């Protein structure tokens, strides 16, 4: 009986430990996603400028070189924006299909909650898109 109790205690201990790890990993994922979403267009612009200034300093670029490299970086940034705008609808399609399939599985009450959740996600996505458009 005594050995059986010890085994049970160790099993409970292991389960609690595993749950702690899972909770920590989940919270870390939430924290990282919120931290990444918190970067505004101004933050990204400031980071890009700091990166350029570090490169300028490390490579000891002349004013002429700096101007040419800035032009290359701006052209590249514009190409990425264009590509992102071209591809965005292709990413929307599978997401919307998945939502429709998920809604089919849910009951009426769950659908209402799911629709509210997706409305929040869409609002956040729209806000990020407006930030990206302001960068232009």
C-alpha atoms as a PDB file:
ATOM      1  CA  UNK A   1       0.000   0.000   0.000  1.00  0.00           C
ATOM      2  CA  UNK A   2       2.802   2.333   0.903  1.00  0.00           C
ATOM      3  CA  UNK A   3       4.629   1.852  -2.434  1.00  0.00           C
ATOM      4  CA  UNK A   4       1.381   2.377  -4.321  1.00  0.00           C
ATOM      5  CA  UNK A   5       0.877   5.725  -2.564  1.00  0.00           C
ATOM      6  CA  UNK A   6       4.363   6.863  -3.512  1.00  0.00           C
ATOM      7  CA  UNK A   7       3.750   5.995  -7.167  1.00  0.00           C
ATOM      8  CA  UNK A   8       0.504   7.941  -7.102  1.00  0.00           C
ATOM      9  CA  UNK A   9       2.251  10.939  -5.560  1.00  0.00           C
ATOM     10  CA  UNK A  10       4.936  10.858  -8.253  1.00  0.00           C
ATOM     11  CA  UNK A  11       2.305  10.564 -10.988  1.00  0.00           C
ATOM     12  CA  UNK A  12       0.422  13.571  -9.596  1.00  0.00           C
ATOM     13  CA  UNK A  13       3.706  15.469  -9.330  1.00  0.00           C
ATOM     14  CA  UNK A  14       4.592  14.643 -12.951  1.00  0.00           C
ATOM     15  CA  UNK A  15       1.136  15.666 -14.193  1.00  0.00           C
ATOM     16  CA  UNK A  16       1.290  18.992 -12.315  1.00  0.00           C
ATOM     17  CA  UNK A  17       4.779  19.596 -13.687  1.00  0.00           C
ATOM     18  CA  UNK A  18       3.662  18.823 -17.258  1.00  0.00           C
ATOM     19  CA  UNK A  19       0.653  21.136 -16.881  1.00  0.00           C
ATOM     20  CA  UNK A  20       2.969  23.877 -15.645  1.00  0.00           C
ATOM     21  CA  UNK A  21       5.155  23.471 -18.712  1.00  0.00           C
ATOM     22  CA  UNK A  22       2.137  23.541 -21.038  1.00  0.00           C
ATOM     23  CA  UNK A  23       0.719  26.632 -19.329  1.00  0.00           C
ATOM     24  CA  UNK A  24       4.049  28.411 -19.488  1.00  0.00           C
ATOM     25  CA  UNK A  25       4.442  27.628 -23.177  1.00  0.00           C
ATOM     26  CA  UNK A  26       0.908  28.817 -23.929  1.00  0.00           C
ATOM     27  CA  UNK A  27       1.394  32.069 -22.019  1.00  0.00           C
ATOM     28  CA  UNK A  28       4.728  32.632 -23.746  1.00  0.00           C
ATOM     29  CA  UNK A  29       3.019  32.240 -27.128  1.00  0.00           C
ATOM     30  CA  UNK A  30       0.297  34.725 -26.168  1.00  0.00           C
ATOM     31  CA  UNK A  31       2.865  37.205 -24.869  1.00  0.00           C
ATOM     32  CA  UNK A  32       4.985  36.973 -28.011  1.00  0.00           C
ATOM     33  CA  UNK A  33       2.021  37.342 -30.371  1.00  0.00           C
ATOM     34  CA  UNK A  34       0.758  40.403 -28.509  1.00  0.00           C
ATOM     35  CA  UNK A  35       4.221  41.918 -28.364  1.00  0.00           C
ATOM     36  CA  UNK A  36       4.671  41.423 -32.114  1.00  0.00           C
ATOM     37  CA  UNK A  37       1.247  42.893 -32.844  1.00  0.00           C
ATOM     38  CA  UNK A  38       2.153  45.941 -30.760  1.00  0.00           C
ATOM     39  CA  UNK A  39       4.738  47.209 -33.236  1.00  0.00           C
ATOM     40  CA  UNK A  40       3.316  50.298 -34.868  1.00  0.00           C
ATOM     41  CA  UNK A  41       4.296  51.690 -38.236  1.00  0.00           C
ATOM     42  CA  UNK A  42       6.335  54.315 -36.395  1.00  0.00           C
ATOM     43  CA  UNK A  43       8.209  51.607 -34.478  1.00  0.00           C
ATOM     44  CA  UNK A  44       9.029  49.749 -37.694  1.00  0.00           C
ATOM     45  CA  UNK A  45      10.167  52.979 -39.365  1.00  0.00           C
ATOM     46  CA  UNK A  46      12.351  53.859 -36.379  1.00  0.00           C
ATOM     47  CA  UNK A  47      13.846  50.340 -36.362  1.00  0.00           C
ATOM     48  CA  UNK A  48      14.586  50.524 -40.092  1.00  0.00           C
ATOM     49  CA  UNK A  49      16.282  53.896 -39.641  1.00  0.00           C
ATOM     50  CA  UNK A  50      18.371  52.597 -36.726  1.00  0.00           C
ATOM     51  CA  UNK A  51      19.388  49.572 -38.826  1.00  0.00           C
ATOM     52  CA  UNK A  52      20.408  51.828 -41.704  1.00  0.00           C
ATOM     53  CA  UNK A  53      22.409  54.131 -39.426  1.00  0.00           C
ATOM     54  CA  UNK A  54      24.249  51.136 -37.936  1.00  0.00           C
ATOM     55  CA  UNK A  55      25.075  49.876 -41.432  1.00  0.00           C
ATOM     56  CA  UNK A  56      26.169  53.389 -42.445  1.00  0.00           C
ATOM     57  CA  UNK A  57      28.452  53.618 -39.433  1.00  0.00           C
ATOM     58  CA  UNK A  58      29.826  50.053 -39.596  1.00  0.00           C
ATOM     59  CA  UNK A  59      30.588  50.317 -43.316  1.00  0.00           C
ATOM     60  CA  UNK A  60      31.758  53.928 -43.084  1.00  0.00           C
ATOM     61  CA  UNK A  61      29.565  54.923 -46.040  1.00  0.00           C
ATOM     62  CA  UNK A  62      30.036  58.212 -47.842  1.00  0.00           C
ATOM     63  CA  UNK A  63      27.063  60.536 -48.328  1.00  0.00           C
ATOM     64  CA  UNK A  64      26.804  59.442 -51.960  1.00  0.00           C
ATOM     65  CA  UNK A  65      26.826  55.751 -50.997  1.00  0.00           C
ATOM     66  CA  UNK A  66      24.263  56.388 -48.267  1.00  0.00           C
ATOM     67  CA  UNK A  67      21.917  58.103 -50.711  1.00  0.00           C
ATOM     68  CA  UNK A  68      22.231  55.261 -53.237  1.00  0.00           C
ATOM     69  CA  UNK A  69      21.690  52.577 -50.609  1.00  0.00           C
ATOM     70  CA  UNK A  70      18.662  54.443 -49.218  1.00  0.00           C
ATOM     71  CA  UNK A  71      17.215  54.468 -52.744  1.00  0.00           C
ATOM     72  CA  UNK A  72      17.814  50.709 -53.090  1.00  0.00           C
ATOM     73  CA  UNK A  73      16.150  50.052 -49.728  1.00  0.00           C
ATOM     74  CA  UNK A  74      13.162  52.262 -50.603  1.00  0.00           C
ATOM     75  CA  UNK A  75      12.717  50.504 -53.960  1.00  0.00           C
ATOM     76  CA  UNK A  76      12.889  47.146 -52.201  1.00  0.00           C
ATOM     77  CA  UNK A  77      10.366  48.274 -49.576  1.00  0.00           C
ATOM     78  CA  UNK A  78       8.000  49.328 -52.385  1.00  0.00           C
ATOM     79  CA  UNK A  79       8.430  45.953 -54.109  1.00  0.00           C
ATOM     80  CA  UNK A  80       7.538  44.178 -50.853  1.00  0.00           C
ATOM     81  CA  UNK A  81       4.442  46.375 -50.428  1.00  0.00           C
ATOM     82  CA  UNK A  82       3.323  45.616 -53.970  1.00  0.00           C
ATOM     83  CA  UNK A  83       3.895  41.897 -53.484  1.00  0.00           C
ATOM     84  CA  UNK A  84       2.046  41.944 -50.158  1.00  0.00           C
ATOM     85  CA  UNK A  85      -0.923  43.709 -51.803  1.00  0.00           C
ATOM     86  CA  UNK A  86      -0.962  41.182 -54.648  1.00  0.00           C
ATOM     87  CA  UNK A  87      -0.790  38.160 -52.326  1.00  0.00           C
ATOM     88  CA  UNK A  88      -3.132  39.350 -49.567  1.00  0.00           C
ATOM     89  CA  UNK A  89      -6.311  38.167 -51.368  1.00  0.00           C
ATOM     90  CA  UNK A  90      -4.765  34.734 -51.869  1.00  0.00           C
ATOM     91  CA  UNK A  91      -4.216  34.458 -48.114  1.00  0.00           C
ATOM     92  CA  UNK A  92      -7.746  35.649 -47.349  1.00  0.00           C
ATOM     93  CA  UNK A  93      -9.397  32.893 -49.396  1.00  0.00           C
ATOM     94  CA  UNK A  94      -8.227  29.845 -47.367  1.00  0.00           C
ATOM     95  CA  UNK A  95      -8.855  31.709 -44.107  1.00  0.00           C
ATOM     96  CA  UNK A  96     -12.437  32.492 -45.106  1.00  0.00           C
ATOM     97  CA  UNK A  97     -12.996  28.925 -46.312  1.00  0.00           C
ATOM     98  CA  UNK A  98     -11.724  27.569 -42.983  1.00  0.00           C
ATOM     99  CA  UNK A  99     -14.033  29.894 -41.083  1.00  0.00           C
ATOM    100  CA  UNK A 100     -17.029  28.673 -43.083  1.00  0.00           C
ATOM    101  CA  UNK A 101     -16.094  25.051 -42.413  1.00  0.00           C
ATOM    102  CA  UNK A 102     -15.654  25.776 -38.695  1.00  0.00           C
ATOM    103  CA  UNK A 103     -19.026  27.553 -38.544  1.00  0.00           C
ATOM    104  CA  UNK A 104     -20.647  24.426 -40.027  1.00  0.00           C
ATOM    105  CA  UNK A 105     -19.404  22.397 -37.047  1.00  0.00           C
ATOM    106  CA  UNK A 106     -20.653  24.834 -34.392  1.00  0.00           C
ATOM    107  CA  UNK A 107     -24.102  25.232 -32.880  1.00  0.00           C
ATOM    108  CA  UNK A 108     -25.911  28.612 -32.942  1.00  0.00           C
ATOM    109  CA  UNK A 109     -24.498  29.871 -29.643  1.00  0.00           C
ATOM    110  CA  UNK A 110     -20.972  28.842 -30.568  1.00  0.00           C
ATOM    111  CA  UNK A 111     -21.338  30.503 -33.981  1.00  0.00           C
ATOM    112  CA  UNK A 112     -22.217  33.814 -32.337  1.00  0.00           C
ATOM    113  CA  UNK A 113     -19.119  33.624 -30.134  1.00  0.00           C
ATOM    114  CA  UNK A 114     -16.970  32.505 -33.069  1.00  0.00           C
ATOM    115  CA  UNK A 115     -18.268  35.376 -35.204  1.00  0.00           C
ATOM    116  CA  UNK A 116     -17.428  37.839 -32.418  1.00  0.00           C
ATOM    117  CA  UNK A 117     -13.930  36.372 -32.122  1.00  0.00           C
ATOM    118  CA  UNK A 118     -13.311  36.583 -35.861  1.00  0.00           C
ATOM    119  CA  UNK A 119     -14.695  40.144 -35.937  1.00  0.00           C
ATOM    120  CA  UNK A 120     -12.052  41.130 -33.368  1.00  0.00           C
ATOM    121  CA  UNK A 121      -9.321  39.427 -35.393  1.00  0.00           C
ATOM    122  CA  UNK A 122     -10.520  41.159 -38.556  1.00  0.00           C
ATOM    123  CA  UNK A 123     -10.554  44.548 -36.812  1.00  0.00           C
ATOM    124  CA  UNK A 124      -6.979  44.008 -35.640  1.00  0.00           C
ATOM    125  CA  UNK A 125      -5.945  42.901 -39.151  1.00  0.00           C
ATOM    126  CA  UNK A 126      -7.631  45.965 -40.680  1.00  0.00           C
ATOM    127  CA  UNK A 127      -5.822  48.217 -38.209  1.00  0.00           C
ATOM    128  CA  UNK A 128      -2.479  46.657 -39.151  1.00  0.00           C
ATOM    129  CA  UNK A 129      -3.303  47.119 -42.833  1.00  0.00           C
ATOM    130  CA  UNK A 130      -4.087  50.812 -42.242  1.00  0.00           C
ATOM    131  CA  UNK A 131      -0.739  51.158 -40.440  1.00  0.00           C
ATOM    132  CA  UNK A 132       1.038  49.542 -43.396  1.00  0.00           C
ATOM    133  CA  UNK A 133      -0.796  51.803 -45.839  1.00  0.00           C
ATOM    134  CA  UNK A 134       0.221  54.876 -43.799  1.00  0.00           C
ATOM    135  CA  UNK A 135       3.865  53.829 -44.149  1.00  0.00           C
ATOM    136  CA  UNK A 136       3.594  54.461 -47.859  1.00  0.00           C
END
